[in-house]
Every structure is written in structure tokens, then in C-alpha cells.
Protein backbone atom coordinates (compact mmCIF):
# COMPACT_ATOMS: atom_id res chain seq x y z
CA MET A 1 149.13 135.88 99.92
CA ASN A 2 147.31 137.93 102.53
CA LYS A 3 145.31 135.71 104.67
CA TYR A 4 142.19 137.87 104.17
CA ARG A 5 142.25 137.35 100.39
CA VAL A 6 142.41 133.77 101.07
CA CYS A 7 139.43 133.80 102.96
CA ILE A 8 137.48 135.76 100.52
CA LEU A 9 138.46 133.19 97.65
CA VAL A 10 137.66 130.28 99.65
CA ALA A 11 134.11 131.95 100.26
CA VAL A 12 133.50 133.18 96.77
CA ILE A 13 134.37 130.20 94.65
CA PRO A 14 132.00 127.62 96.27
CA ALA A 15 129.44 130.36 96.17
CA ALA A 16 130.07 130.92 92.25
CA CYS A 17 129.90 127.05 91.68
CA MET A 18 126.31 127.05 93.65
CA ILE A 19 125.11 130.04 91.48
CA ALA A 20 126.00 128.20 88.29
CA THR A 21 124.43 124.88 89.34
CA VAL A 22 121.08 126.65 90.35
CA GLU A 23 121.05 128.51 87.04
CA GLN A 24 120.75 125.21 85.31
CA VAL A 25 117.70 124.18 87.40
CA SER A 26 114.19 125.29 85.62
CA HIS A 27 112.10 127.56 87.50
CA GLU A 28 109.19 125.02 87.25
CA GLU A 29 111.47 122.37 89.10
CA VAL A 30 112.19 125.00 91.66
CA ASP A 31 108.49 125.51 92.34
CA ALA A 32 107.92 121.88 92.50
CA LEU A 33 110.79 121.22 94.93
CA THR A 34 109.65 124.22 97.02
CA GLY A 35 106.08 122.78 97.16
CA ARG A 36 107.37 119.45 98.07
CA VAL A 37 109.64 120.54 100.76
CA ALA A 38 106.71 122.51 102.39
CA LYS A 39 104.51 119.41 102.16
CA LEU A 40 107.46 117.08 103.84
CA GLU A 41 107.73 119.71 106.50
CA GLN A 42 104.03 119.68 107.34
CA ARG A 43 103.90 115.85 107.42
CA MET A 44 107.12 115.73 109.52
CA THR A 45 105.43 118.24 112.17
CA LYS A 46 102.50 115.78 112.36
CA LEU A 47 104.70 112.64 112.47
CA GLU A 48 106.90 113.91 115.15
CA PRO A 49 104.52 113.19 118.31
CA ARG A 50 103.88 109.83 116.97
CA LEU A 51 107.56 109.15 116.37
CA LYS A 52 108.29 110.08 120.04
CA GLY A 53 105.69 107.83 121.41
CA LEU A 54 106.81 104.97 119.46
CA GLU A 55 110.41 105.63 120.38
CA TRP A 56 109.41 105.49 124.16
CA HIS A 57 107.35 102.51 123.56
CA ILE A 58 110.01 100.40 121.97
CA LYS A 59 112.43 101.50 124.77
CA SER A 60 109.98 100.22 127.29
CA ILE A 61 110.03 96.63 125.96
CA ASN A 62 111.66 94.34 128.16
CA LYS A 63 114.58 92.30 126.51
CA LYS A 64 113.29 89.08 127.76
CA PHE A 65 110.22 89.30 125.46
CA ILE A 66 112.34 89.40 122.38
CA SER A 67 113.05 86.02 121.23
CA ARG A 68 115.29 84.94 118.47
CA PRO A 69 113.50 83.14 115.42
CA ASN A 70 113.82 79.30 115.39
CA PRO A 71 116.14 78.39 112.43
CA ALA A 72 113.84 75.37 111.58
CA THR A 73 110.65 77.65 111.30
CA VAL A 74 112.36 80.38 109.17
CA LYS A 75 111.21 80.35 105.67
CA PRO A 76 114.20 80.72 103.20
CA ARG A 77 114.01 83.96 101.30
CA THR A 78 112.81 83.77 97.58
CA GLN A 79 114.41 85.66 94.83
CA ALA A 80 112.14 88.66 93.79
CA LYS A 81 111.01 88.37 90.17
CA ARG A 82 112.80 90.54 87.86
CA SER A 83 110.94 93.42 86.54
CA PRO A 84 111.53 93.59 82.85
CA LEU A 85 111.93 97.10 81.25
CA PRO A 86 109.45 97.84 78.50
CA THR A 87 111.02 97.99 74.89
CA SER A 88 109.09 100.76 73.56
CA LYS A 89 106.62 103.53 74.68
CA ALA A 90 103.09 103.35 74.19
CA THR A 91 101.87 104.39 70.58
CA GLY A 92 98.75 105.16 68.91
CA SER A 93 95.58 104.27 70.80
CA GLN A 94 97.73 102.77 73.55
CA THR A 95 98.51 104.18 76.80
CA ILE A 96 100.82 103.48 79.79
CA PRO A 97 98.53 102.75 82.93
CA TYR A 98 99.79 104.33 86.19
CA SER A 99 99.90 100.98 87.78
CA GLN A 100 102.84 100.13 85.52
CA VAL A 101 104.73 103.44 86.59
CA ARG A 102 103.96 102.63 90.32
CA HIS A 103 104.91 99.03 90.10
CA ASN A 104 108.40 100.11 88.30
CA GLU A 105 109.03 102.86 90.73
CA GLU A 106 108.77 100.46 93.57
CA HIS A 107 110.93 97.75 92.04
CA LEU A 108 113.28 99.23 89.80
CA THR A 109 116.86 100.42 90.94
CA ASP A 110 117.90 103.98 90.36
CA ILE A 111 119.60 103.33 87.00
CA GLN A 112 116.87 101.12 85.80
CA TRP A 113 114.45 103.81 86.53
CA ASP A 114 116.43 106.15 84.60
CA VAL A 115 116.31 104.00 81.52
CA TYR A 116 112.81 103.25 82.04
CA SER A 117 111.57 107.14 82.36
CA ASN A 118 113.45 107.78 79.29
CA GLN A 119 111.72 105.04 77.29
CA ILE A 120 108.24 106.25 78.39
CA ALA A 121 108.70 110.05 77.72
CA GLY A 122 106.33 111.09 75.03
CA SER A 123 103.92 108.34 75.82
CA ARG A 124 100.20 109.09 76.03
CA ILE A 125 98.39 108.56 79.56
CA LYS A 126 94.92 108.63 80.84
CA TRP A 127 94.94 108.73 84.32
CA THR A 128 92.61 109.26 87.41
CA GLY A 129 93.88 110.96 90.61
CA TRP A 130 93.22 113.61 93.19
CA VAL A 131 94.07 117.17 93.57
CA ASP A 132 96.85 117.80 96.26
CA ASP A 133 97.38 121.60 95.41
CA ALA A 134 97.98 124.19 92.85
CA GLN A 135 100.54 126.90 92.66
CA GLU A 136 101.00 129.71 90.33
CA GLU A 137 104.22 130.04 88.40
CA PHE A 138 106.35 132.82 88.56
CA TRP A 139 105.68 133.83 85.07
CA GLY A 140 102.94 133.67 82.48
CA ASP A 141 99.43 132.66 83.06
CA ALA A 142 99.87 128.87 83.65
CA CYS A 143 99.62 127.00 87.13
CA LEU A 144 101.22 123.98 88.31
CA VAL A 145 98.50 121.33 89.76
CA PHE A 146 99.96 118.54 91.94
CA VAL A 147 97.98 115.26 91.56
CA ASP A 148 98.08 112.55 94.39
CA MET A 149 97.53 109.19 92.78
CA ASP A 150 96.28 107.69 95.89
CA SER A 151 93.05 108.51 97.44
CA PRO A 152 92.70 111.26 100.24
CA SER A 153 92.04 108.60 102.69
CA GLU A 154 95.55 107.33 102.25
CA PRO A 155 97.70 108.77 105.23
CA PHE A 156 101.02 110.56 104.70
CA SER A 157 100.80 110.44 100.85
CA LEU A 158 102.56 112.96 98.55
CA TYR A 159 101.68 114.09 95.16
CA ASP A 160 102.90 111.85 92.35
CA VAL A 161 102.15 113.71 89.40
CA ILE A 162 102.25 117.38 88.00
CA ILE A 163 100.33 118.90 85.20
CA THR A 164 100.25 122.37 84.13
CA GLN A 165 96.86 124.04 83.65
CA GLN A 166 95.79 127.87 82.78
CA LYS A 167 94.77 129.72 86.00
CA ALA A 168 91.30 129.88 85.00
CA LYS A 169 90.97 126.12 85.11
CA ALA A 170 93.40 125.81 88.28
CA LEU A 171 91.05 128.21 90.07
CA GLN A 172 88.17 125.64 89.82
CA LEU A 173 90.01 122.86 91.31
CA THR A 174 89.68 122.14 94.92
CA LYS A 175 91.94 119.87 97.07
CA GLY A 176 90.84 116.37 97.35
CA ARG A 177 88.73 116.68 94.06
CA ARG A 178 89.02 113.55 92.00
CA ILE A 179 89.91 114.36 88.28
CA THR A 180 90.73 112.18 84.96
CA PHE A 181 93.02 113.77 82.54
CA TRP A 182 94.57 112.66 79.22
CA ALA A 183 98.41 113.85 78.83
CA THR A 184 101.71 113.07 77.45
CA ILE A 185 104.73 112.10 79.90
CA ASP A 186 107.33 114.89 79.74
CA LYS A 187 109.88 113.71 82.08
CA THR A 188 110.38 112.29 85.57
CA THR A 189 112.27 113.94 88.72
CA SER A 190 113.30 112.59 91.96
CA PHE A 191 113.51 114.20 95.29
CA LEU A 192 114.38 112.74 98.62
CA GLY A 193 113.51 109.29 97.36
CA ASN A 194 110.22 110.28 95.83
CA ARG A 195 109.49 110.39 92.08
CA THR A 196 107.29 112.57 90.34
CA VAL A 197 106.12 112.13 86.73
CA TRP A 198 105.79 115.60 84.83
CA LEU A 199 103.05 115.77 81.97
CA LYS A 200 102.46 117.98 79.47
CA ASN A 201 99.53 118.98 77.10
CA ALA A 202 97.18 117.95 79.94
CA LYS A 203 93.50 118.02 79.28
CA ILE A 204 91.10 117.28 82.18
CA THR A 205 88.25 115.40 80.94
CA GLN A 206 86.26 114.51 84.30
CA TRP A 207 86.33 116.68 87.56
């Protein structure tokens, strides 16, 4: 086979596989990932000077000031308490508090989190958070509203929740606005180690 044809096949086959993979990703997930990448780039830009200063400070420390811990004073490590997975989703008037989701996000392994996220899908919630951003979707009159469950005073915090609102409602939301909303858990996604909860049928009751 001609070497030029080989080169063309080598270039085309991975591209075709990539296109097939991209088509499996929903437009909403692409919008969310794009927004998260932009946020991370902004945060990294702000962090870079501090990281360089910290690196210089660490290098300047003389090794003689670094002492090894005394084995007699080192406390033995205690085994972390097992985080039991819920056996059922919230039903009726019950709602899942975000504190439970945050706790499991921090303590569960990836495979445990997958089981947990499947179990809570369809559960009702009533949460309070702060508007981080809002972006118009590529189609329709809906907008994605990104909600940070940490207060604006928390440094380097990213959004944790995504809800969908009509454009007229989204236009009334400002960054840092504290909102309370009822909704149903749709799914969870992970990106660069950060997990996001997607909500559907969201109704903002206080804002």
C-alpha cells in the first residue's frame, strides 16, 4: 500500500472514532463542560502567582529546620468510618439534604458514588445555594443556571448544581444571588474530579 494512503488512514480512523464519541455527549453536557473549563482557567490564572510564591518559599527552607517526627509521639492512624450507602431514595414528603450529597461526594469511592448517584436519581430536594453563572443553551428558550452550594466568601469554589430555567427567569438572576429551589435529581456528572448534580423541574421559591 502506498505510504501516503497509510498516513491518510491513520489520520482518518481516530478522527472518525472521535466524532462518534462526541455525538454521544448531549449538548447540555457540552455547555456545562465548556463553562467549567472556562471557570477553571480563570481560577488557575489567579492561582498561578500564589503557587509560584509558595514554590519559592518551600525551596528557600533550609533542611536543618525539617525534623523527623518522633515515633513515640506519633498517633496511630484510625480507620475511617464506613459511609453506608442509602438503600432507597427519598419519597413522598422526604427530601435529600445537600449535606448528605456533599458528605458522600467526599468519602465515597468512584464506584460507590456511581451506585449512590443512581439511587438518588428521581429524588426530590429543597436546597439553598448561590448563583454562579447562567448560560443560554444552543436551542430553545431555556438557560442553564450554575449554582454554587458554598457561599461567595468561600475562595476558589466552583458550582455544584445545574438547574434549567426559562430565559426570562434566568435574566433576573445575578451572580452571588442566594436562591432556594425545589427540584428533582436528574443525574450526576464528573469532570476533573468535580462532581455536579443536574436537577430537573426546578422551581425557585426564594431569590
